[in-house]
């Protein structure tokens, strides 16, 4: 049997094994592996007929549906690079990403296109819009070729560009510490190796049904597709409004594997679980932050026959560690050990290994290490660094450097080799499973022109992981209408980014020696005052 080397081969290899097996379910509809493989080939051909060059970017701005998956695998099959956009993003954020990575083709729906009409003319590299089939009248946009989905798939068959496993595959955007999203560039090798690694320890098989509850723009969300397709399993696509919708889908579809973020698990534990679920839900896994122990215990009460997998990862290297279910009772606070085909090091600032229980930086080496940040030399140099020669796995005689991901997270490793998360070095906030930059929130607040100065920071929250708190000052010689500012935030921000609290102060806010607003002092004082 041929092994998968490129992303789209995960589908074609499973189709070769059993083309009638169901690959995707969405509502009452289903796609077999044979049908999915054919659609991916047709989409790839359509892009080649549009003139897509090797390595050009194809953005996908859709909710979870068959077309989203077909485009995500079809773009790399053509030799292009797919850029999945979180459907929660606002037009301004979508426009930034389209410009940042010079997107050539955008796949979206008529409804979403209507939101982007003022944004797209500013995206100077964009040439083609692929619009999902609909009876809706599509407006013309100057300079853009508009193609209906069905017409693209009916284009003559064409061979994609030659691609190898170290070529770019996708760019996944994650919030950056300077406020603008960072595009993490991943190769075919990164994603295919990740699929093989994760599916091995989760013991995925062709009889599995995985629920895609996370956004496909998340590495962990997209991983539900890759791990399932590697073994020929079925994926249920779900765009849920309420946690109850997730629980109903688990029961209705007889889901065997669920991966979600802690905030969703917290909400799910507050619901009444059908007794039948534990009979078919073989495992549940967390990502996007530490699972509160109370939540883990509640889930295990609901699911006494299901295996818990506690995991740690970062988009820059996909997945790094997991805690085997048999260790959960002994070490519920641990993030486990390295996943298969990865090595996790705990290093001091000078690059030497830390002693047991000595705090140090988590460093990830191996096939899952990404290709850096798109078009950002400075940020890439901060996170993707040559592994020190005296680090484990490196020898002085090796002349070429090995690039590893330096996570910026502080961890410790016990005497048995299990890792424990201590904290983040940067100021990123982790809320509802999303990494949010304080500066990104602040920039949007400033854009409202309703505040004088502002600072954003995260505070611990049992439900969200962290809640976003902001301190603002009124504009000069004007009053600040908090209700109006909150309404404006709801208009401009994705739901997960909206501040949970707005504290109004008289300005100016304190500065640090560099003249910047002192976020650390403000956040520390705010938390201390709250705890008094």
Protein backbone atom coordinates (compact mmCIF):
# COMPACT_ATOMS: atom_id res chain seq x y z
CA UNK A 1 0.00 0.00 0.00
CA UNK A 2 1.32 3.44 -0.93
CA UNK A 3 2.00 5.82 1.92
CA UNK A 4 0.71 9.41 1.95
CA UNK A 5 3.42 12.01 1.39
CA UNK A 6 1.38 15.04 0.26
CA UNK A 7 -1.75 16.35 1.97
CA UNK A 8 -4.28 15.44 -0.72
CA UNK A 9 -2.90 11.89 -0.80
CA UNK A 10 -4.50 11.32 2.61
CA UNK A 11 -7.80 11.29 0.71
CA UNK A 12 -6.67 9.47 -2.42
CA UNK A 13 -5.02 6.64 -0.48
CA UNK A 14 -8.17 6.08 1.59
CA UNK A 15 -10.25 6.19 -1.61
CA UNK A 16 -8.01 3.48 -3.06
CA UNK A 17 -8.62 1.31 -0.01
CA UNK A 18 -12.41 1.84 0.11
CA UNK A 19 -13.91 4.44 -2.18
CA UNK A 20 -17.47 3.89 -0.90
CA UNK A 21 -16.59 4.58 2.76
CA UNK A 22 -18.06 7.85 4.06
CA UNK A 23 -15.45 10.57 4.46
CA UNK A 24 -17.65 13.55 5.40
CA UNK A 25 -21.10 14.10 6.85
CA UNK A 26 -22.81 17.48 6.94
CA UNK A 27 -26.39 17.60 8.13
CA UNK A 28 -28.24 14.86 6.26
CA UNK A 29 -25.73 14.75 3.40
CA UNK A 30 -22.63 12.59 3.02
CA UNK A 31 -19.59 12.34 0.74
CA UNK A 32 -17.76 9.08 0.17
CA UNK A 33 -13.99 8.98 -0.17
CA UNK A 34 -14.39 8.33 -3.89
CA UNK A 35 -16.68 11.37 -4.30
CA UNK A 36 -14.41 13.55 -2.18
CA UNK A 37 -11.35 12.50 -4.17
CA UNK A 38 -13.12 13.32 -7.44
CA UNK A 39 -14.21 16.76 -6.17
CA UNK A 40 -10.67 17.56 -4.97
CA UNK A 41 -9.31 16.62 -8.41
CA UNK A 42 -11.94 18.77 -10.16
CA UNK A 43 -11.25 21.76 -7.90
CA UNK A 44 -7.52 21.39 -8.47
CA UNK A 45 -8.09 21.28 -12.24
CA UNK A 46 -10.28 24.37 -12.04
CA UNK A 47 -7.51 26.33 -10.32
CA UNK A 48 -4.96 25.25 -12.94
CA UNK A 49 -7.35 26.39 -15.66
CA UNK A 50 -7.58 29.78 -13.89
CA UNK A 51 -3.83 30.04 -14.27
CA UNK A 52 -2.87 29.44 -10.62
CA UNK A 53 0.92 29.36 -10.37
CA UNK A 54 2.85 27.05 -8.07
CA UNK A 55 2.84 28.36 -4.51
CA UNK A 56 0.12 31.00 -5.05
CA UNK A 57 -2.30 31.44 -2.19
CA UNK A 58 -5.96 30.37 -2.21
CA UNK A 59 -8.00 31.76 0.70
CA UNK A 60 -11.17 30.07 1.95
CA UNK A 61 -13.70 32.18 3.85
CA UNK A 62 -16.55 29.82 4.65
CA UNK A 63 -18.23 28.05 7.50
CA UNK A 64 -17.64 24.29 7.79
CA UNK A 65 -19.19 22.55 4.76
CA UNK A 66 -18.15 20.16 1.98
CA UNK A 67 -16.82 22.96 -0.23
CA UNK A 68 -14.51 24.18 2.56
CA UNK A 69 -12.85 20.77 2.78
CA UNK A 70 -12.68 20.30 -0.99
CA UNK A 71 -11.01 23.68 -1.47
CA UNK A 72 -8.60 23.13 1.44
CA UNK A 73 -7.28 19.91 -0.09
CA UNK A 74 -7.80 20.88 -3.73
CA UNK A 75 -5.63 24.01 -3.59
CA UNK A 76 -2.51 22.08 -2.44
CA UNK A 77 -3.31 19.33 -4.97
CA UNK A 78 -2.95 22.01 -7.68
CA UNK A 79 0.39 23.09 -6.20
CA UNK A 80 -1.09 26.12 -4.47
CA UNK A 81 -1.18 27.12 -0.80
CA UNK A 82 -4.46 27.16 1.09
CA UNK A 83 -5.24 29.94 3.59
CA UNK A 84 -8.22 29.05 5.83
CA UNK A 85 -9.95 32.11 7.27
CA UNK A 86 -11.89 31.85 10.50
CA UNK A 87 -15.54 32.52 9.56
CA UNK A 88 -15.83 34.73 12.67
CA UNK A 89 -13.37 37.26 11.27
CA UNK A 90 -14.66 40.69 10.28
CA UNK A 91 -14.10 42.16 6.78
CA UNK A 92 -11.20 44.35 7.94
CA UNK A 93 -9.38 41.33 9.37
CA UNK A 94 -10.08 39.25 6.27
CA UNK A 95 -8.73 42.08 4.10
CA UNK A 96 -5.53 42.27 6.14
CA UNK A 97 -4.82 38.56 5.65
CA UNK A 98 -5.64 38.66 1.93
CA UNK A 99 -3.17 41.50 1.46
CA UNK A 100 -0.54 40.12 3.83
CA UNK A 101 -0.01 36.86 1.95
CA UNK A 102 -0.93 38.15 -1.51
CA UNK A 103 -3.94 35.89 -1.98
CA UNK A 104 -4.68 35.22 -5.67
CA UNK A 105 -7.97 33.28 -5.37
CA UNK A 106 -10.72 33.67 -2.74
CA UNK A 107 -13.38 31.01 -2.21
CA UNK A 108 -16.47 32.30 -0.42
CA UNK A 109 -20.27 32.44 -0.44
CA UNK A 110 -22.57 35.12 -1.88
CA UNK A 111 -23.56 36.14 1.67
CA UNK A 112 -19.96 36.60 2.78
CA UNK A 113 -19.03 38.32 -0.48
CA UNK A 114 -21.63 40.98 0.30
CA UNK A 115 -19.74 41.76 3.52
CA UNK A 116 -16.43 42.04 1.66
CA UNK A 117 -17.44 44.32 -1.22
CA UNK A 118 -15.69 47.39 0.21
CA UNK A 119 -12.65 45.38 1.34
CA UNK A 120 -11.75 43.38 -1.76
CA UNK A 121 -10.81 46.29 -4.08
CA UNK A 122 -7.93 47.03 -1.66
CA UNK A 123 -6.55 43.48 -2.10
CA UNK A 124 -4.36 44.21 -5.09
CA UNK A 125 -3.06 40.67 -5.71
CA UNK A 126 -6.53 39.12 -5.74
CA UNK A 127 -7.62 38.07 -9.23
CA UNK A 128 -10.35 35.43 -8.91
CA UNK A 129 -13.43 34.91 -6.75
CA UNK A 130 -14.91 31.42 -6.58
CA UNK A 131 -18.47 31.82 -5.34
CA UNK A 132 -20.59 28.94 -4.04
CA UNK A 133 -23.63 28.03 -6.06
CA UNK A 134 -26.68 30.11 -5.20
CA UNK A 135 -29.63 31.81 -6.83
CA UNK A 136 -28.37 35.09 -5.36
CA UNK A 137 -27.34 37.72 -7.87
CA UNK A 138 -23.56 38.22 -7.67
CA UNK A 139 -22.40 41.83 -8.01
CA UNK A 140 -19.46 42.53 -10.31
CA UNK A 141 -16.31 43.85 -8.66
CA UNK A 142 -13.84 45.76 -10.79
CA UNK A 143 -10.69 43.83 -11.63
CA UNK A 144 -11.94 40.48 -10.30
CA UNK A 145 -12.91 37.41 -12.30
CA UNK A 146 -15.95 35.80 -10.67
CA UNK A 147 -16.43 32.05 -11.16
CA UNK A 148 -19.30 29.93 -9.90
CA UNK A 149 -18.32 26.82 -7.94
CA UNK A 150 -20.05 24.43 -10.35
CA UNK A 151 -18.33 26.03 -13.34
CA UNK A 152 -14.91 25.72 -11.71
CA UNK A 153 -15.49 22.02 -11.05
CA UNK A 154 -16.61 21.48 -14.66
CA UNK A 155 -13.34 22.84 -16.09
CA UNK A 156 -11.22 20.41 -18.16
CA UNK A 157 -9.08 18.04 -16.14
CA UNK A 158 -5.54 19.37 -15.69
CA UNK A 159 -2.45 18.14 -13.89
CA UNK A 160 -1.30 20.17 -10.91
CA UNK A 161 2.20 21.59 -10.49
CA UNK A 162 4.97 19.32 -9.27
CA UNK A 163 5.14 19.42 -5.49
CA UNK A 164 7.35 17.70 -2.89
CA UNK A 165 6.75 17.25 0.81
CA UNK A 166 8.91 20.19 1.90
CA UNK A 167 6.92 22.65 -0.24
CA UNK A 168 4.50 25.13 1.28
CA UNK A 169 1.05 23.71 1.88
CA UNK A 170 -0.87 26.25 3.92
CA UNK A 171 -0.69 29.44 5.92
CA UNK A 172 -2.59 29.44 9.22
CA UNK A 173 -3.04 32.85 10.81
CA UNK A 174 -2.73 33.29 14.54
CA UNK A 175 -2.74 36.52 16.53
CA UNK A 176 0.66 38.14 16.94
CA UNK A 177 2.15 39.93 19.92
CA UNK A 178 2.39 43.15 17.88
CA UNK A 179 -1.33 43.19 17.17
CA UNK A 180 -1.52 41.92 13.59
CA UNK A 181 -2.13 38.23 12.89
CA UNK A 182 0.92 36.14 12.03
CA UNK A 183 0.81 33.68 9.15
CA UNK A 184 2.36 30.37 10.18
CA UNK A 185 3.64 28.62 7.05
CA UNK A 186 3.28 24.84 7.06
CA UNK A 187 4.60 22.24 4.62
CA UNK A 188 3.05 19.02 3.36
CA UNK A 189 5.52 17.17 5.59
CA UNK A 190 4.38 19.14 8.65
CA UNK A 191 0.71 18.29 8.24
CA UNK A 192 1.04 14.71 7.01
CA UNK A 193 3.55 13.86 9.76
CA UNK A 194 1.18 15.45 12.27
CA UNK A 195 -1.73 13.37 11.02
CA UNK A 196 0.26 10.15 11.30
CA UNK A 197 1.58 11.04 14.76
CA UNK A 198 -1.73 12.05 16.32
CA UNK A 199 -3.73 9.22 14.78
CA UNK A 200 -1.18 6.73 16.13
CA UNK A 201 -1.55 7.65 19.80
CA UNK A 202 -5.30 8.25 19.54
CA UNK A 203 -5.47 4.84 17.82
CA UNK A 204 -7.76 6.20 15.11
CA UNK A 205 -9.12 3.65 12.65
CA UNK A 206 -11.50 3.38 9.71
CA UNK A 207 -14.44 2.71 12.04
CA UNK A 208 -14.03 6.05 13.83
CA UNK A 209 -16.37 9.02 13.55
CA UNK A 210 -14.72 12.32 14.55
CA UNK A 211 -16.67 15.50 15.27
CA UNK A 212 -15.23 18.67 13.70
CA UNK A 213 -16.42 21.15 16.32
CA UNK A 214 -13.38 23.47 16.19
CA UNK A 215 -12.85 25.97 13.35
CA UNK A 216 -10.93 24.49 10.42
CA UNK A 217 -8.69 27.58 10.52
CA UNK A 218 -7.26 26.15 13.78
CA UNK A 219 -4.46 23.63 13.42
CA UNK A 220 -6.27 21.37 15.90
CA UNK A 221 -9.56 21.86 14.04
CA UNK A 222 -8.03 20.98 10.68
CA UNK A 223 -6.32 18.03 12.34
CA UNK A 224 -9.70 16.33 12.71
CA UNK A 225 -9.75 16.07 8.92
CA UNK A 226 -6.16 14.94 8.44
CA UNK A 227 -6.14 12.31 11.20
CA UNK A 228 -9.45 10.89 10.00
CA UNK A 229 -8.50 10.87 6.32
CA UNK A 230 -5.19 9.15 7.11
CA UNK A 231 -7.03 6.09 8.42
CA UNK A 232 -10.20 6.31 6.32
CA UNK A 233 -12.50 7.45 9.14
CA UNK A 234 -15.59 9.67 8.92
CA UNK A 235 -15.69 13.35 9.93
CA UNK A 236 -18.93 15.09 10.92
CA UNK A 237 -18.85 18.82 10.11
CA UNK A 238 -20.69 20.92 12.68
CA UNK A 239 -21.37 24.65 12.84
CA UNK A 240 -22.94 24.87 16.26
CA UNK A 241 -24.70 27.76 17.95
CA UNK A 242 -25.06 26.25 21.42
CA UNK A 243 -23.11 23.61 23.38
CA UNK A 244 -26.29 21.55 23.36
CA UNK A 245 -25.93 21.28 19.57
CA UNK A 246 -22.53 19.62 20.08
CA UNK A 247 -23.95 17.12 22.54
CA UNK A 248 -26.84 16.28 20.22
CA UNK A 249 -24.44 15.71 17.34
CA UNK A 250 -22.25 13.41 19.46
CA UNK A 251 -25.32 11.31 20.30
CA UNK A 252 -26.96 11.42 16.86
CA UNK A 253 -23.80 10.60 14.86
CA UNK A 254 -22.41 8.14 17.40
CA UNK A 255 -19.15 10.07 17.53
CA UNK A 256 -16.12 8.08 18.71
CA UNK A 257 -13.61 10.93 19.06
CA UNK A 258 -14.07 14.53 20.25
CA UNK A 259 -11.39 17.24 20.39
CA UNK A 260 -12.38 20.62 21.84
CA UNK A 261 -11.11 23.60 23.84
CA UNK A 262 -11.58 23.87 27.62
CA UNK A 263 -14.28 26.60 27.48
CA UNK A 264 -16.51 24.32 25.40
CA UNK A 265 -15.88 21.40 27.72
CA UNK A 266 -16.79 23.60 30.69
CA UNK A 267 -20.14 24.39 29.04
CA UNK A 268 -20.73 20.75 28.09
CA UNK A 269 -20.22 19.57 31.66
CA UNK A 270 -23.16 21.72 32.72
CA UNK A 271 -25.53 19.76 30.46
CA UNK A 272 -27.23 16.43 31.01
CA UNK A 273 -25.34 13.84 28.96
CA UNK A 274 -27.27 10.94 27.43
CA UNK A 275 -26.14 7.69 29.04
CA UNK A 276 -25.56 6.13 25.61
CA UNK A 277 -22.74 8.53 24.69
CA UNK A 278 -20.10 6.82 26.80
CA UNK A 279 -20.82 3.58 24.96
CA UNK A 280 -19.47 4.95 21.66
CA UNK A 281 -17.32 8.01 22.54
CA UNK A 282 -13.97 6.24 22.75
CA UNK A 283 -11.95 9.34 23.68
CA UNK A 284 -12.16 13.06 24.31
CA UNK A 285 -9.13 15.32 23.89
CA UNK A 286 -8.42 18.92 24.82
CA UNK A 287 -6.40 21.59 23.05
CA UNK A 288 -6.04 25.36 23.26
CA UNK A 289 -5.17 25.63 26.95
CA UNK A 290 -5.11 23.73 30.20
CA UNK A 291 -8.21 21.75 31.15
CA UNK A 292 -9.43 22.80 34.62
CA UNK A 293 -9.25 19.81 36.95
CA UNK A 294 -12.89 20.26 38.01
CA UNK A 295 -13.96 20.12 34.36
CA UNK A 296 -11.87 17.03 33.70
CA UNK A 297 -13.40 15.27 36.69
CA UNK A 298 -16.92 16.22 35.59
CA UNK A 299 -16.28 14.90 32.07
CA UNK A 300 -14.99 11.63 33.45
CA UNK A 301 -18.13 11.27 35.55
CA UNK A 302 -20.23 11.78 32.41
CA UNK A 303 -17.97 9.50 30.34
CA UNK A 304 -16.65 6.70 32.56
CA UNK A 305 -15.76 4.50 29.57
CA UNK A 306 -14.10 7.25 27.46
CA UNK A 307 -10.35 7.88 27.49
CA UNK A 308 -9.18 11.45 28.25
CA UNK A 309 -6.22 12.82 26.28
CA UNK A 310 -4.72 16.03 27.65
CA UNK A 311 -2.63 17.77 24.99
CA UNK A 312 -0.38 20.77 24.44
CA UNK A 313 0.47 22.33 21.12
CA UNK A 314 1.23 25.51 19.24
CA UNK A 315 0.45 26.38 15.63
CA UNK A 316 4.16 26.85 14.88
CA UNK A 317 4.75 23.12 15.44
CA UNK A 318 1.18 21.75 15.43
CA UNK A 319 1.08 19.35 18.41
CA UNK A 320 3.90 18.85 20.91
CA UNK A 321 2.81 16.71 23.85
CA UNK A 322 0.04 14.49 25.14
CA UNK A 323 -0.70 12.81 28.46
CA UNK A 324 -1.74 9.15 28.06
CA UNK A 325 -5.09 8.32 29.70
CA UNK A 326 -3.47 5.89 32.12
CA UNK A 327 -1.43 8.77 33.58
CA UNK A 328 -4.32 11.18 34.15
CA UNK A 329 -5.08 10.03 37.69
CA UNK A 330 -1.42 10.22 38.71
CA UNK A 331 -0.58 13.54 37.01
CA UNK A 332 -3.75 15.50 36.12
CA UNK A 333 -1.76 18.75 35.90
CA UNK A 334 0.82 17.42 33.44
CA UNK A 335 0.86 18.15 29.68
CA UNK A 336 2.53 14.77 29.19
CA UNK A 337 5.46 13.86 26.97
CA UNK A 338 6.38 14.40 23.33
CA UNK A 339 4.04 13.02 20.68
CA UNK A 340 5.47 10.37 18.32
CA UNK A 341 8.12 11.67 15.88
CA UNK A 342 8.81 14.81 17.91
CA UNK A 343 11.32 15.69 20.63
CA UNK A 344 10.54 18.22 23.32
CA UNK A 345 13.44 19.87 25.12
CA UNK A 346 13.47 22.11 28.19
CA UNK A 347 16.34 24.56 27.74
CA UNK A 348 17.95 27.38 29.66
CA UNK A 349 18.55 30.73 28.01
CA UNK A 350 22.08 29.63 27.05
CA UNK A 351 20.65 26.59 25.23
CA UNK A 352 21.77 23.97 27.75
CA UNK A 353 19.26 21.39 29.02
CA UNK A 354 17.52 22.10 32.33
CA UNK A 355 17.83 19.74 35.26
CA UNK A 356 14.71 17.86 36.43
CA UNK A 357 12.08 20.26 37.85
CA UNK A 358 14.13 23.30 36.76
CA UNK A 359 11.95 25.79 34.82
CA UNK A 360 13.01 26.44 31.24
CA UNK A 361 11.69 27.13 27.76
CA UNK A 362 9.82 24.42 25.87
CA UNK A 363 11.59 23.79 22.57
CA UNK A 364 10.13 21.54 19.87
CA UNK A 365 12.28 19.78 17.26
CA UNK A 366 11.34 17.38 14.46
CA UNK A 367 9.21 16.95 11.36
CA UNK A 368 6.34 19.06 12.69
CA UNK A 369 8.37 22.28 12.99
CA UNK A 370 6.79 24.80 10.61
CA UNK A 371 8.46 26.93 7.94
CA UNK A 372 8.31 30.25 9.81
CA UNK A 373 6.01 33.27 9.66
CA UNK A 374 4.99 34.54 6.26
CA UNK A 375 6.98 37.56 5.15
CA UNK A 376 8.19 38.37 8.67
CA UNK A 377 11.91 37.95 9.21
CA UNK A 378 11.95 39.46 12.70
CA UNK A 379 9.18 37.33 14.21
CA UNK A 380 10.49 34.20 12.51
CA UNK A 381 13.92 34.80 14.03
CA UNK A 382 12.34 35.16 17.49
CA UNK A 383 10.51 31.84 17.39
CA UNK A 384 12.30 29.63 14.83
CA UNK A 385 15.95 29.35 15.87
CA UNK A 386 18.90 27.06 15.19
CA UNK A 387 19.07 24.34 17.80
CA UNK A 388 22.21 24.83 19.94
CA UNK A 389 24.92 22.32 19.10
CA UNK A 390 25.11 21.12 22.70
CA UNK A 391 21.33 20.46 22.82
CA UNK A 392 20.14 16.83 22.78
CA UNK A 393 19.97 15.43 19.26
CA UNK A 394 22.68 17.71 17.86
CA UNK A 395 26.35 16.91 17.34
CA UNK A 396 29.20 19.37 16.75
CA UNK A 397 30.14 17.64 13.50
CA UNK A 398 26.82 18.56 11.88
CA UNK A 399 27.58 21.68 9.88
CA UNK A 400 24.08 22.66 8.76
CA UNK A 401 21.87 24.06 11.55
CA UNK A 402 18.63 22.41 12.59
CA UNK A 403 15.74 24.83 13.10
CA UNK A 404 13.54 24.24 16.14
CA UNK A 405 10.55 26.10 17.53
CA UNK A 406 11.26 28.00 20.75
CA UNK A 407 7.76 28.24 22.20
CA UNK A 408 8.21 31.14 24.61
CA UNK A 409 6.40 28.99 27.21
CA UNK A 410 8.03 28.12 30.51
CA UNK A 411 7.70 24.50 31.62
CA UNK A 412 9.40 22.04 33.92
CA UNK A 413 10.12 18.34 33.48
CA UNK A 414 9.87 15.95 36.40
CA UNK A 415 12.18 13.01 37.17
CA UNK A 416 10.04 10.71 35.04
CA UNK A 417 10.16 13.00 32.00
CA UNK A 418 6.61 14.38 32.28
CA UNK A 419 6.17 18.06 31.48
CA UNK A 420 4.24 20.72 33.41
CA UNK A 421 3.19 24.09 32.04
CA UNK A 422 4.23 27.10 34.16
CA UNK A 423 3.45 30.21 32.13
CA UNK A 424 3.84 32.26 28.95
CA UNK A 425 6.72 34.61 28.39
CA UNK A 426 4.80 36.92 26.11
CA UNK A 427 1.61 38.82 26.81
CA UNK A 428 -0.70 36.81 24.59
CA UNK A 429 -4.13 36.12 26.01
CA UNK A 430 -5.74 32.67 25.64
CA UNK A 431 -9.52 33.05 25.61
CA UNK A 432 -12.10 30.52 24.45
CA UNK A 433 -9.26 28.55 22.88
CA UNK A 434 -8.09 31.54 20.81
CA UNK A 435 -4.75 33.29 21.15
CA UNK A 436 -5.49 37.01 21.18
CA UNK A 437 -2.96 39.80 21.13
CA UNK A 438 -3.56 42.67 23.58
CA UNK A 439 -2.33 45.07 20.93
CA UNK A 440 -4.86 43.76 18.42
CA UNK A 441 -7.68 44.54 20.85
CA UNK A 442 -6.19 47.96 21.60
CA UNK A 443 -5.87 48.84 17.93
CA UNK A 444 -9.55 48.16 17.36
CA UNK A 445 -10.48 50.23 20.43
CA UNK A 446 -8.40 53.12 19.11
CA UNK A 447 -10.02 52.74 15.69
CA UNK A 448 -13.42 53.50 17.24
CA UNK A 449 -12.11 56.99 18.12
CA UNK A 450 -14.15 56.65 21.32
CA UNK A 451 -11.17 56.26 23.71
CA UNK A 452 -8.17 58.38 24.55
CA UNK A 453 -5.77 55.67 25.74
CA UNK A 454 -6.34 52.00 26.35
CA UNK A 455 -4.64 48.84 27.51
CA UNK A 456 -5.87 45.23 27.28
CA UNK A 457 -4.82 42.20 29.33
CA UNK A 458 -6.07 38.76 30.27
CA UNK A 459 -7.42 37.74 33.65
CA UNK A 460 -7.98 34.17 34.79
CA UNK A 461 -11.49 32.94 34.10
CA UNK A 462 -12.83 29.44 34.87
CA UNK A 463 -15.11 29.46 31.83
CA UNK A 464 -12.97 31.15 29.18
CA UNK A 465 -9.45 30.30 30.32
CA UNK A 466 -8.78 34.03 30.30
CA UNK A 467 -11.24 36.91 30.01
CA UNK A 468 -10.21 40.11 28.25
CA UNK A 469 -10.16 43.17 30.49
CA UNK A 470 -9.46 46.65 29.18
CA UNK A 471 -8.65 49.93 30.90
CA UNK A 472 -9.53 53.02 28.88
CA UNK A 473 -9.43 56.77 29.25
CA UNK A 474 -11.97 59.18 27.72
CA UNK A 475 -11.01 61.13 24.62
CA UNK A 476 -9.66 64.58 25.33
CA UNK A 477 -12.44 66.93 26.54
CA UNK A 478 -15.13 64.31 25.94
CA UNK A 479 -17.04 61.78 27.99
CA UNK A 480 -16.82 58.08 27.29
CA UNK A 481 -20.07 56.18 26.66
CA UNK A 482 -19.25 52.64 27.85
CA UNK A 483 -22.44 51.12 26.42
CA UNK A 484 -21.75 52.66 23.01
CA UNK A 485 -18.14 51.43 23.13
CA UNK A 486 -19.30 47.90 23.96
CA UNK A 487 -21.73 48.02 21.05
CA UNK A 488 -18.95 49.17 18.74
CA UNK A 489 -16.74 46.31 19.94
CA UNK A 490 -19.48 43.83 19.05
CA UNK A 491 -19.59 45.32 15.57
CA UNK A 492 -15.84 45.33 14.96
CA UNK A 493 -14.59 42.25 16.84
CA UNK A 494 -15.14 38.49 16.64
CA UNK A 495 -17.13 37.28 19.65
CA UNK A 496 -14.09 35.76 21.35
CA UNK A 497 -12.22 39.09 21.25
CA UNK A 498 -14.90 41.30 22.83
CA UNK A 499 -13.73 42.60 26.26
CA UNK A 500 -15.49 41.09 29.24
CA UNK A 501 -14.91 44.29 31.23
CA UNK A 502 -14.20 47.95 30.49
CA UNK A 503 -12.68 50.04 33.29
CA UNK A 504 -12.72 53.81 32.67
CA UNK A 505 -9.87 55.86 34.18
CA UNK A 506 -8.80 59.46 33.98
CA UNK A 507 -5.64 59.75 31.91
CA UNK A 508 -2.90 59.67 31.14
CA UNK A 509 -2.08 56.01 31.82
CA UNK A 510 1.32 55.20 33.37
CA UNK A 511 4.32 54.65 31.08
CA UNK A 512 7.37 52.43 31.30
CA UNK A 513 10.93 53.73 30.73
CA UNK A 514 10.52 53.28 26.97
CA UNK A 515 7.53 55.61 26.94
CA UNK A 516 5.04 52.83 26.29
CA UNK A 517 1.89 52.38 28.35
CA UNK A 518 2.87 50.06 31.19
CA UNK A 519 0.53 47.13 30.66
CA UNK A 520 2.21 44.97 33.30
CA UNK A 521 1.83 47.56 36.08
CA UNK A 522 -1.78 48.30 35.14
CA UNK A 523 -2.80 44.64 34.93
CA UNK A 524 -1.07 43.72 38.18
CA UNK A 525 -2.68 46.63 40.05
CA UNK A 526 -6.11 45.83 38.58
CA UNK A 527 -5.90 42.19 39.66
CA UNK A 528 -4.65 43.10 43.14
CA UNK A 529 -7.48 45.58 43.59
CA UNK A 530 -10.03 43.01 42.46
CA UNK A 531 -8.71 40.44 44.93
CA UNK A 532 -8.84 42.79 47.93
